[in-house]
């Protein structure tokens, strides 16, 4: 959980590259932009928004100048899988569906 903190440009090196990390924000603050720098994509990150990405691979940041906010981040780490003895996730895949 992150409260009222600026997030400088970073990656999360302990997260699995194959897994998506999910970030949810809540609070009262002026509109903020989440910047996925190495992808060249910016998202409006208003209260109640959820974003998912491989935060180990994607350099990201946001800056809140004023207001109150809280961000909850869900992420997967190899150490957790090793501790509980479950296999790691595979890379996300998609395929065309014929209907």
Protein backbone atom coordinates (compact mmCIF):
# COMPACT_ATOMS: atom_id res chain seq x y z
CA UNK A 1 0.00 0.00 0.00
CA UNK A 2 1.34 3.40 -1.00
CA UNK A 3 -0.08 6.57 0.59
CA UNK A 4 0.48 10.14 -0.63
CA UNK A 5 3.85 9.40 -2.16
CA UNK A 6 5.44 10.47 -5.40
CA UNK A 7 6.55 7.58 -7.51
CA UNK A 8 9.76 8.39 -9.39
CA UNK A 9 10.45 6.56 -12.69
CA UNK A 10 11.22 2.93 -11.81
CA UNK A 11 10.80 -0.76 -12.57
CA UNK A 12 10.02 -3.40 -9.96
CA UNK A 13 12.92 -5.88 -10.30
CA UNK A 14 11.62 -8.46 -7.83
CA UNK A 15 8.36 -9.00 -9.71
CA UNK A 16 8.00 -11.76 -12.27
CA UNK A 17 8.37 -10.55 -15.86
CA UNK A 18 5.59 -12.90 -17.02
CA UNK A 19 3.01 -11.72 -14.49
CA UNK A 20 0.87 -8.61 -14.59
CA UNK A 21 1.01 -6.33 -11.54
CA UNK A 22 -2.30 -4.64 -10.74
CA UNK A 23 -2.45 -1.15 -9.25
CA UNK A 24 -5.66 0.38 -7.92
CA UNK A 25 -5.95 3.98 -6.73
CA UNK A 26 -8.48 5.71 -4.49
CA UNK A 27 -8.74 9.08 -2.82
CA UNK A 28 -9.42 12.75 -3.45
CA UNK A 29 -6.85 14.39 -5.67
CA UNK A 30 -6.51 16.26 -8.92
CA UNK A 31 -6.25 14.19 -12.12
CA UNK A 32 -2.96 12.34 -12.40
CA UNK A 33 -1.21 10.63 -15.31
CA UNK A 34 0.49 7.23 -15.01
CA UNK A 35 3.35 7.21 -17.50
CA UNK A 36 4.65 3.91 -18.91
CA UNK A 37 7.83 5.54 -20.17
CA UNK A 38 9.50 2.84 -22.27
CA UNK A 39 6.19 2.08 -24.03
CA UNK A 40 5.41 5.74 -24.72
CA UNK A 41 1.92 5.35 -23.20
CA UNK A 42 0.23 7.61 -20.66
CA UNK A 43 -3.00 6.81 -18.80
CA UNK A 44 -5.33 9.11 -16.90
CA UNK A 45 -5.11 7.64 -13.39
CA UNK A 46 -8.17 9.05 -11.59
CA UNK A 47 -9.48 7.75 -8.28
CA UNK A 48 -10.98 4.28 -8.73
CA UNK A 49 -8.75 3.42 -11.69
CA UNK A 50 -7.00 0.07 -12.11
CA UNK A 51 -3.97 -0.52 -14.32
CA UNK A 52 -2.15 -3.76 -15.03
CA UNK A 53 1.27 -4.24 -16.58
CA UNK A 54 4.51 -6.13 -16.18
CA UNK A 55 6.11 -3.60 -13.87
CA UNK A 56 9.39 -5.47 -14.00
CA UNK A 57 9.65 -4.73 -17.72
CA UNK A 58 7.74 -1.44 -17.95
CA UNK A 59 9.34 1.69 -16.47
CA UNK A 60 6.55 3.69 -14.85
CA UNK A 61 5.83 6.66 -12.62
CA UNK A 62 3.19 9.10 -11.44
CA UNK A 63 3.22 12.36 -9.54
CA UNK A 64 0.50 13.70 -7.25
CA UNK A 65 1.05 17.36 -6.36
CA UNK A 66 -1.79 17.74 -3.87
CA UNK A 67 -4.68 15.78 -2.38
CA UNK A 68 -4.91 12.45 -0.62
CA UNK A 69 -4.59 9.10 -2.30
CA UNK A 70 -3.86 5.48 -1.63
CA UNK A 71 -2.58 2.91 -4.13
CA UNK A 72 -2.89 -0.81 -3.60
CA UNK A 73 -0.47 -2.86 -5.70
CA UNK A 74 -0.84 -6.62 -6.27
CA UNK A 75 2.22 -8.34 -7.63
CA UNK A 76 3.81 -11.79 -7.90
CA UNK A 77 7.31 -12.58 -6.69
CA UNK A 78 9.33 -15.75 -7.23
CA UNK A 79 10.06 -15.95 -3.49
CA UNK A 80 6.34 -16.37 -2.71
CA UNK A 81 5.94 -19.16 -5.28
CA UNK A 82 9.05 -20.88 -3.94
CA UNK A 83 7.84 -20.57 -0.33
CA UNK A 84 4.42 -22.13 -0.97
CA UNK A 85 5.69 -24.62 -3.58
CA UNK A 86 3.52 -23.51 -6.50
CA UNK A 87 4.70 -23.13 -10.09
CA UNK A 88 5.36 -19.66 -11.48
CA UNK A 89 3.03 -18.11 -14.01
CA UNK A 90 3.66 -18.35 -17.73
CA UNK A 91 3.71 -15.40 -20.09
CA UNK A 92 0.27 -14.13 -21.07
CA UNK A 93 -0.84 -15.48 -24.45
CA UNK A 94 -3.79 -14.95 -26.71
CA UNK A 95 -5.17 -16.78 -29.66
CA UNK A 96 -7.90 -16.13 -32.18
CA UNK A 97 -11.23 -17.67 -31.18
CA UNK A 98 -13.44 -19.06 -33.93
CA UNK A 99 -17.13 -18.74 -33.15
